């Protein structure tokens, strides 16, 4: 099953949003999020994405996909349906 790429503005299971991403690579005009990029969580503040797909790199960092997690434990939810990874 394909997993969608996470971009800036996508949400989390804690009600937060992805707030940083690649300065160069975008999907539908939104920066692609990678391991180490930040989410703003209303329960836990700003914290990094701690997972990424090592087989898909952007700016030498693994790309975050739907279901990956941030340090606070929230899962990332993709609204991007243009780019998915098998």
PDB file of N, CA and C in Angstrom:
ATOM      1  N   UNK A   1       0.838  -1.180   0.000  1.00  0.00           N
ATOM      2  CA  UNK A   1       0.000   0.000   0.000  1.00  0.00           C
ATOM      3  C   UNK A   1       0.884   1.245   0.000  1.00  0.00           C
ATOM      4  N   UNK A   2       0.573   2.174  -0.859  1.00  0.00           N
ATOM      5  CA  UNK A   2       1.365   3.400  -0.978  1.00  0.00           C
ATOM      6  C   UNK A   2       1.129   4.314   0.217  1.00  0.00           C
ATOM      7  N   UNK A   3       2.188   5.027   0.604  1.00  0.00           N
ATOM      8  CA  UNK A   3       2.100   6.008   1.691  1.00  0.00           C
ATOM      9  C   UNK A   3       2.368   7.386   1.111  1.00  0.00           C
ATOM     10  N   UNK A   4       1.571   8.360   1.516  1.00  0.00           N
ATOM     11  CA  UNK A   4       1.716   9.711   0.992  1.00  0.00           C
ATOM     12  C   UNK A   4       2.869  10.448   1.675  1.00  0.00           C
ATOM     13  N   UNK A   5       3.488  11.323   0.892  1.00  0.00           N
ATOM     14  CA  UNK A   5       4.561  12.184   1.384  1.00  0.00           C
ATOM     15  C   UNK A   5       3.958  13.258   2.286  1.00  0.00           C
ATOM     16  N   UNK A   6       4.695  13.633   3.330  1.00  0.00           N
ATOM     17  CA  UNK A   6       4.278  14.694   4.250  1.00  0.00           C
ATOM     18  C   UNK A   6       4.866  16.020   3.771  1.00  0.00           C
ATOM     19  N   UNK A   7       4.052  17.072   3.804  1.00  0.00           N
ATOM     20  CA  UNK A   7       4.498  18.412   3.418  1.00  0.00           C
ATOM     21  C   UNK A   7       4.132  19.402   4.525  1.00  0.00           C
ATOM     22  N   UNK A   8       4.739  20.591   4.457  1.00  0.00           N
ATOM     23  CA  UNK A   8       4.426  21.643   5.421  1.00  0.00           C
ATOM     24  C   UNK A   8       2.924  21.924   5.388  1.00  0.00           C
ATOM     25  N   UNK A   9       2.325  22.013   6.561  1.00  0.00           N
ATOM     26  CA  UNK A   9       0.892  22.242   6.679  1.00  0.00           C
ATOM     27  C   UNK A   9       0.096  20.989   6.980  1.00  0.00           C
ATOM     28  N   UNK A  10       0.685  19.803   6.725  1.00  0.00           N
ATOM     29  CA  UNK A  10      -0.015  18.567   7.063  1.00  0.00           C
ATOM     30  C   UNK A  10      -0.199  18.483   8.574  1.00  0.00           C
ATOM     31  N   UNK A  11      -1.183  17.707   9.004  1.00  0.00           N
ATOM     32  CA  UNK A  11      -1.552  17.650  10.413  1.00  0.00           C
ATOM     33  C   UNK A  11      -0.964  16.428  11.116  1.00  0.00           C
ATOM     34  N   UNK A  12      -1.203  16.381  12.435  1.00  0.00           N
ATOM     35  CA  UNK A  12      -0.758  15.255  13.253  1.00  0.00           C
ATOM     36  C   UNK A  12      -1.936  14.723  14.058  1.00  0.00           C
ATOM     37  N   UNK A  13      -1.763  13.549  14.631  1.00  0.00           N
ATOM     38  CA  UNK A  13      -2.820  12.943  15.439  1.00  0.00           C
ATOM     39  C   UNK A  13      -3.044  13.677  16.757  1.00  0.00           C
ATOM     40  N   UNK A  14      -2.151  14.585  17.131  1.00  0.00           N
ATOM     41  CA  UNK A  14      -2.345  15.400  18.339  1.00  0.00           C
ATOM     42  C   UNK A  14      -2.960  16.753  18.005  1.00  0.00           C
ATOM     43  N   UNK A  15      -3.332  16.974  16.739  1.00  0.00           N
ATOM     44  CA  UNK A  15      -3.932  18.240  16.341  1.00  0.00           C
ATOM     45  C   UNK A  15      -2.931  19.308  15.946  1.00  0.00           C
ATOM     46  N   UNK A  16      -1.678  18.914  15.763  1.00  0.00           N
ATOM     47  CA  UNK A  16      -0.635  19.859  15.369  1.00  0.00           C
ATOM     48  C   UNK A  16      -0.466  19.935  13.866  1.00  0.00           C
ATOM     49  N   UNK A  17       0.581  20.663  13.460  1.00  0.00           N
ATOM     50  CA  UNK A  17       0.889  20.832  12.034  1.00  0.00           C
ATOM     51  C   UNK A  17       2.390  20.761  11.807  1.00  0.00           C
ATOM     52  N   UNK A  18       2.765  20.286  10.624  1.00  0.00           N
ATOM     53  CA  UNK A  18       4.161  20.316  10.192  1.00  0.00           C
ATOM     54  C   UNK A  18       4.494  21.764   9.843  1.00  0.00           C
ATOM     55  N   UNK A  19       5.619  22.280  10.396  1.00  0.00           N
ATOM     56  CA  UNK A  19       5.935  23.700  10.203  1.00  0.00           C
ATOM     57  C   UNK A  19       7.228  23.967   9.441  1.00  0.00           C
ATOM     58  N   UNK A  20       8.063  22.946   9.217  1.00  0.00           N
ATOM     59  CA  UNK A  20       9.264  23.161   8.403  1.00  0.00           C
ATOM     60  C   UNK A  20       9.417  22.036   7.389  1.00  0.00           C
ATOM     61  N   UNK A  21      10.172  22.339   6.319  1.00  0.00           N
ATOM     62  CA  UNK A  21      10.426  21.357   5.274  1.00  0.00           C
ATOM     63  C   UNK A  21      11.568  21.821   4.398  1.00  0.00           C
ATOM     64  N   UNK A  22      11.782  21.128   3.311  1.00  0.00           N
ATOM     65  CA  UNK A  22      12.865  21.436   2.377  1.00  0.00           C
ATOM     66  C   UNK A  22      12.731  22.852   1.819  1.00  0.00           C
ATOM     67  N   UNK A  23      13.859  23.525   1.683  1.00  0.00           N
ATOM     68  CA  UNK A  23      13.882  24.851   1.072  1.00  0.00           C
ATOM     69  C   UNK A  23      13.843  24.756  -0.457  1.00  0.00           C
ATOM     70  N   UNK A  24      14.053  23.546  -0.996  1.00  0.00           N
ATOM     71  CA  UNK A  24      14.188  23.367  -2.441  1.00  0.00           C
ATOM     72  C   UNK A  24      13.083  22.494  -3.040  1.00  0.00           C
ATOM     73  N   UNK A  25      12.812  21.355  -2.419  1.00  0.00           N
ATOM     74  CA  UNK A  25      11.891  20.377  -3.002  1.00  0.00           C
ATOM     75  C   UNK A  25      10.472  20.567  -2.480  1.00  0.00           C
ATOM     76  N   UNK A  26       9.527  20.691  -3.427  1.00  0.00           N
ATOM     77  CA  UNK A  26       8.135  20.945  -3.069  1.00  0.00           C
ATOM     78  C   UNK A  26       7.191  20.019  -3.831  1.00  0.00           C
ATOM     79  N   UNK A  27       6.003  19.824  -3.274  1.00  0.00           N
ATOM     80  CA  UNK A  27       4.908  19.107  -3.921  1.00  0.00           C
ATOM     81  C   UNK A  27       3.695  20.023  -3.825  1.00  0.00           C
ATOM     82  N   UNK A  28       3.096  20.318  -4.948  1.00  0.00           N
ATOM     83  CA  UNK A  28       1.935  21.220  -4.983  1.00  0.00           C
ATOM     84  C   UNK A  28       2.231  22.547  -4.290  1.00  0.00           C
ATOM     85  N   UNK A  29       3.463  23.028  -4.441  1.00  0.00           N
ATOM     86  CA  UNK A  29       3.849  24.310  -3.870  1.00  0.00           C
ATOM     87  C   UNK A  29       4.164  24.284  -2.388  1.00  0.00           C
ATOM     88  N   UNK A  30       4.179  23.101  -1.779  1.00  0.00           N
ATOM     89  CA  UNK A  30       4.455  22.985  -0.344  1.00  0.00           C
ATOM     90  C   UNK A  30       5.744  22.206  -0.131  1.00  0.00           C
ATOM     91  N   UNK A  31       6.554  22.666   0.829  1.00  0.00           N
ATOM     92  CA  UNK A  31       7.845  22.041   1.110  1.00  0.00           C
ATOM     93  C   UNK A  31       7.669  20.617   1.629  1.00  0.00           C
ATOM     94  N   UNK A  32       8.495  19.701   1.121  1.00  0.00           N
ATOM     95  CA  UNK A  32       8.489  18.312   1.570  1.00  0.00           C
ATOM     96  C   UNK A  32       9.140  18.235   2.947  1.00  0.00           C
ATOM     97  N   UNK A  33       8.473  17.530   3.879  1.00  0.00           N
ATOM     98  CA  UNK A  33       9.000  17.354   5.235  1.00  0.00           C
ATOM     99  C   UNK A  33       9.915  16.138   5.290  1.00  0.00           C
ATOM    100  N   UNK A  34      10.953  16.263   6.128  1.00  0.00           N
ATOM    101  CA  UNK A  34      11.943  15.206   6.264  1.00  0.00           C
ATOM    102  C   UNK A  34      12.203  14.919   7.734  1.00  0.00           C
ATOM    103  N   UNK A  35      12.882  13.829   8.002  1.00  0.00           N
ATOM    104  CA  UNK A  35      13.314  13.530   9.366  1.00  0.00           C
ATOM    105  C   UNK A  35      14.111  14.731   9.869  1.00  0.00           C
ATOM    106  N   UNK A  36      13.772  15.221  11.059  1.00  0.00           N
ATOM    107  CA  UNK A  36      14.447  16.383  11.628  1.00  0.00           C
ATOM    108  C   UNK A  36      13.679  17.678  11.447  1.00  0.00           C
ATOM    109  N   UNK A  37      12.759  17.728  10.479  1.00  0.00           N
ATOM    110  CA  UNK A  37      11.909  18.912  10.354  1.00  0.00           C
ATOM    111  C   UNK A  37      10.963  18.962  11.546  1.00  0.00           C
ATOM    112  N   UNK A  38      10.299  20.105  11.718  1.00  0.00           N
ATOM    113  CA  UNK A  38       9.561  20.353  12.953  1.00  0.00           C
ATOM    114  C   UNK A  38       8.049  20.311  12.787  1.00  0.00           C
ATOM    115  N   UNK A  39       7.389  19.877  13.869  1.00  0.00           N
ATOM    116  CA  UNK A  39       5.940  19.974  13.986  1.00  0.00           C
ATOM    117  C   UNK A  39       5.620  20.838  15.200  1.00  0.00           C
ATOM    118  N   UNK A  40       4.515  21.561  15.123  1.00  0.00           N
ATOM    119  CA  UNK A  40       4.014  22.324  16.268  1.00  0.00           C
ATOM    120  C   UNK A  40       2.848  21.532  16.839  1.00  0.00           C
ATOM    121  N   UNK A  41       3.036  20.995  18.032  1.00  0.00           N
ATOM    122  CA  UNK A  41       2.036  20.152  18.684  1.00  0.00           C
ATOM    123  C   UNK A  41       1.370  20.950  19.805  1.00  0.00           C
ATOM    124  N   UNK A  42       0.038  21.050  19.808  1.00  0.00           N
ATOM    125  CA  UNK A  42      -0.627  21.806  20.864  1.00  0.00           C
ATOM    126  C   UNK A  42      -0.459  21.178  22.247  1.00  0.00           C
ATOM    127  N   UNK A  43      -0.151  19.887  22.300  1.00  0.00           N
ATOM    128  CA  UNK A  43       0.030  19.198  23.578  1.00  0.00           C
ATOM    129  C   UNK A  43       1.474  19.244  24.071  1.00  0.00           C
ATOM    130  N   UNK A  44       2.454  19.309  23.142  1.00  0.00           N
ATOM    131  CA  UNK A  44       3.859  19.149  23.524  1.00  0.00           C
ATOM    132  C   UNK A  44       4.798  20.209  22.963  1.00  0.00           C
ATOM    133  N   UNK A  45       4.288  21.228  22.319  1.00  0.00           N
ATOM    134  CA  UNK A  45       5.136  22.282  21.759  1.00  0.00           C
ATOM    135  C   UNK A  45       5.781  21.863  20.449  1.00  0.00           C
ATOM    136  N   UNK A  46       6.863  22.528  20.108  1.00  0.00           N
ATOM    137  CA  UNK A  46       7.576  22.260  18.854  1.00  0.00           C
ATOM    138  C   UNK A  46       8.563  21.121  19.076  1.00  0.00           C
ATOM    139  N   UNK A  47       8.511  20.119  18.201  1.00  0.00           N
ATOM    140  CA  UNK A  47       9.438  18.993  18.300  1.00  0.00           C
ATOM    141  C   UNK A  47       9.690  18.400  16.920  1.00  0.00           C
ATOM    142  N   UNK A  48      10.784  17.633  16.775  1.00  0.00           N
ATOM    143  CA  UNK A  48      11.178  17.144  15.451  1.00  0.00           C
ATOM    144  C   UNK A  48      10.456  15.873  15.016  1.00  0.00           C
ATOM    145  N   UNK A  49      10.402  15.709  13.710  1.00  0.00           N
ATOM    146  CA  UNK A  49       9.980  14.444  13.113  1.00  0.00           C
ATOM    147  C   UNK A  49      11.134  13.467  13.314  1.00  0.00           C
ATOM    148  N   UNK A  50      10.844  12.280  13.853  1.00  0.00           N
ATOM    149  CA  UNK A  50      11.910  11.340  14.202  1.00  0.00           C
ATOM    150  C   UNK A  50      11.997  10.132  13.274  1.00  0.00           C
ATOM    151  N   UNK A  51      11.126  10.069  12.268  1.00  0.00           N
ATOM    152  CA  UNK A  51      11.171   8.970  11.312  1.00  0.00           C
ATOM    153  C   UNK A  51      11.183   9.513   9.892  1.00  0.00           C
ATOM    154  N   UNK A  52      11.748   8.725   8.993  1.00  0.00           N
ATOM    155  CA  UNK A  52      11.755   9.068   7.581  1.00  0.00           C
ATOM    156  C   UNK A  52      12.100   7.838   6.773  1.00  0.00           C
ATOM    157  N   UNK A  53      11.760   7.854   5.502  1.00  0.00           N
ATOM    158  CA  UNK A  53      12.037   6.729   4.613  1.00  0.00           C
ATOM    159  C   UNK A  53      13.448   6.867   4.057  1.00  0.00           C
ATOM    160  N   UNK A  54      14.345   6.014   4.524  1.00  0.00           N
ATOM    161  CA  UNK A  54      15.759   6.072   4.131  1.00  0.00           C
ATOM    162  C   UNK A  54      15.966   5.814   2.636  1.00  0.00           C
ATOM    163  N   UNK A  55      14.970   5.240   1.963  1.00  0.00           N
ATOM    164  CA  UNK A  55      15.114   4.971   0.528  1.00  0.00           C
ATOM    165  C   UNK A  55      14.711   6.176  -0.321  1.00  0.00           C
ATOM    166  N   UNK A  56      14.181   7.212   0.309  1.00  0.00           N
ATOM    167  CA  UNK A  56      13.745   8.419  -0.396  1.00  0.00           C
ATOM    168  C   UNK A  56      14.325   9.632   0.323  1.00  0.00           C
ATOM    169  N   UNK A  57      15.373  10.210  -0.269  1.00  0.00           N
ATOM    170  CA  UNK A  57      16.096  11.296   0.384  1.00  0.00           C
ATOM    171  C   UNK A  57      15.839  12.628  -0.319  1.00  0.00           C
ATOM    172  N   UNK A  58      15.679  13.685   0.479  1.00  0.00           N
ATOM    173  CA  UNK A  58      15.570  15.057  -0.009  1.00  0.00           C
ATOM    174  C   UNK A  58      16.534  15.889   0.818  1.00  0.00           C
ATOM    175  N   UNK A  59      17.442  16.595   0.163  1.00  0.00           N
ATOM    176  CA  UNK A  59      18.468  17.383   0.861  1.00  0.00           C
ATOM    177  C   UNK A  59      19.263  16.508   1.826  1.00  0.00           C
ATOM    178  N   UNK A  60      19.552  15.280   1.421  1.00  0.00           N
ATOM    179  CA  UNK A  60      20.309  14.311   2.226  1.00  0.00           C
ATOM    180  C   UNK A  60      19.621  13.923   3.530  1.00  0.00           C
ATOM    181  N   UNK A  61      18.302  14.060   3.585  1.00  0.00           N
ATOM    182  CA  UNK A  61      17.529  13.651   4.759  1.00  0.00           C
ATOM    183  C   UNK A  61      16.389  12.749   4.304  1.00  0.00           C
ATOM    184  N   UNK A  62      16.042  11.721   5.109  1.00  0.00           N
ATOM    185  CA  UNK A  62      14.936  10.835   4.744  1.00  0.00           C
ATOM    186  C   UNK A  62      13.595  11.576   4.735  1.00  0.00           C
ATOM    187  N   UNK A  63      12.773  11.297   3.740  1.00  0.00           N
ATOM    188  CA  UNK A  63      11.470  11.942   3.588  1.00  0.00           C
ATOM    189  C   UNK A  63      10.472  11.354   4.592  1.00  0.00           C
ATOM    190  N   UNK A  64       9.690  12.235   5.217  1.00  0.00           N
ATOM    191  CA  UNK A  64       8.638  11.811   6.140  1.00  0.00           C
ATOM    192  C   UNK A  64       7.409  11.373   5.343  1.00  0.00           C
ATOM    193  N   UNK A  65       6.831  10.258   5.763  1.00  0.00           N
ATOM    194  CA  UNK A  65       5.639   9.715   5.113  1.00  0.00           C
ATOM    195  C   UNK A  65       4.500   9.605   6.123  1.00  0.00           C
ATOM    196  N   UNK A  66       3.277   9.514   5.591  1.00  0.00           N
ATOM    197  CA  UNK A  66       2.118   9.364   6.467  1.00  0.00           C
ATOM    198  C   UNK A  66       2.327   8.190   7.422  1.00  0.00           C
ATOM    199  N   UNK A  67       2.022   8.405   8.699  1.00  0.00           N
ATOM    200  CA  UNK A  67       2.193   7.369   9.710  1.00  0.00           C
ATOM    201  C   UNK A  67       3.498   7.462  10.462  1.00  0.00           C
ATOM    202  N   UNK A  68       4.474   8.181   9.914  1.00  0.00           N
ATOM    203  CA  UNK A  68       5.710   8.403  10.658  1.00  0.00           C
ATOM    204  C   UNK A  68       5.403   9.286  11.859  1.00  0.00           C
ATOM    205  N   UNK A  69       6.337   9.354  12.816  1.00  0.00           N
ATOM    206  CA  UNK A  69       6.081  10.022  14.090  1.00  0.00           C
ATOM    207  C   UNK A  69       7.025  11.183  14.366  1.00  0.00           C
ATOM    208  N   UNK A  70       6.550  12.080  15.224  1.00  0.00           N
ATOM    209  CA  UNK A  70       7.380  13.150  15.784  1.00  0.00           C
ATOM    210  C   UNK A  70       7.821  12.709  17.180  1.00  0.00           C
ATOM    211  N   UNK A  71       8.739  13.461  17.774  1.00  0.00           N
ATOM    212  CA  UNK A  71       9.306  13.102  19.072  1.00  0.00           C
ATOM    213  C   UNK A  71       8.250  13.003  20.174  1.00  0.00           C
ATOM    214  N   UNK A  72       7.156  13.736  20.052  1.00  0.00           N
ATOM    215  CA  UNK A  72       6.106  13.710  21.081  1.00  0.00           C
ATOM    216  C   UNK A  72       5.223  12.472  20.980  1.00  0.00           C
ATOM    217  N   UNK A  73       5.397  11.680  19.915  1.00  0.00           N
ATOM    218  CA  UNK A  73       4.621  10.461  19.740  1.00  0.00           C
ATOM    219  C   UNK A  73       3.469  10.574  18.760  1.00  0.00           C
ATOM    220  N   UNK A  74       3.184  11.787  18.293  1.00  0.00           N
ATOM    221  CA  UNK A  74       2.085  11.948  17.337  1.00  0.00           C
ATOM    222  C   UNK A  74       2.469  11.346  15.990  1.00  0.00           C
ATOM    223  N   UNK A  75       1.465  10.874  15.267  1.00  0.00           N
ATOM    224  CA  UNK A  75       1.671  10.368  13.908  1.00  0.00           C
ATOM    225  C   UNK A  75       1.335  11.470  12.915  1.00  0.00           C
ATOM    226  N   UNK A  76       2.038  11.464  11.787  1.00  0.00           N
ATOM    227  CA  UNK A  76       1.832  12.459  10.741  1.00  0.00           C
ATOM    228  C   UNK A  76       0.705  12.015   9.813  1.00  0.00           C
ATOM    229  N   UNK A  77      -0.136  12.975   9.421  1.00  0.00           N
ATOM    230  CA  UNK A  77      -1.281  12.706   8.550  1.00  0.00           C
ATOM    231  C   UNK A  77      -1.116  13.525   7.274  1.00  0.00           C
ATOM    232  N   UNK A  78      -1.103  12.866   6.129  1.00  0.00           N
ATOM    233  CA  UNK A  78      -0.886  13.552   4.856  1.00  0.00           C
ATOM    234  C   UNK A  78      -2.186  14.011   4.215  1.00  0.00           C
ATOM    235  N   UNK A  79      -2.157  15.234   3.711  1.00  0.00           N
ATOM    236  CA  UNK A  79      -3.254  15.736   2.883  1.00  0.00           C
ATOM    237  C   UNK A  79      -2.810  15.777   1.423  1.00  0.00           C
ATOM    238  N   UNK A  80      -1.566  15.379   1.168  1.00  0.00           N
ATOM    239  CA  UNK A  80      -0.963  15.402  -0.165  1.00  0.00           C
ATOM    240  C   UNK A  80      -1.288  14.088  -0.880  1.00  0.00           C
ATOM    241  N   UNK A  81      -2.044  14.181  -1.949  1.00  0.00           N
ATOM    242  CA  UNK A  81      -2.389  12.968  -2.684  1.00  0.00           C
ATOM    243  C   UNK A  81      -1.729  12.934  -4.055  1.00  0.00           C
ATOM    244  N   UNK A  82      -0.814  13.872  -4.288  1.00  0.00           N
ATOM    245  CA  UNK A  82      -0.114  13.948  -5.561  1.00  0.00           C
ATOM    246  C   UNK A  82       1.077  13.008  -5.613  1.00  0.00           C
ATOM    247  N   UNK A  83       1.766  12.829  -4.484  1.00  0.00           N
ATOM    248  CA  UNK A  83       2.987  12.027  -4.455  1.00  0.00           C
ATOM    249  C   UNK A  83       2.909  11.007  -3.336  1.00  0.00           C
ATOM    250  N   UNK A  84       3.014   9.731  -3.719  1.00  0.00           N
ATOM    251  CA  UNK A  84       3.033   8.661  -2.727  1.00  0.00           C
ATOM    252  C   UNK A  84       4.176   7.719  -3.045  1.00  0.00           C
ATOM    253  N   UNK A  85       4.561   6.939  -2.040  1.00  0.00           N
ATOM    254  CA  UNK A  85       5.686   6.023  -2.163  1.00  0.00           C
ATOM    255  C   UNK A  85       5.175   4.612  -1.902  1.00  0.00           C
ATOM    256  N   UNK A  86       5.488   3.663  -2.806  1.00  0.00           N
ATOM    257  CA  UNK A  86       5.005   2.284  -2.595  1.00  0.00           C
ATOM    258  C   UNK A  86       5.664   1.621  -1.395  1.00  0.00           C
TER     259      UNK A  86
END
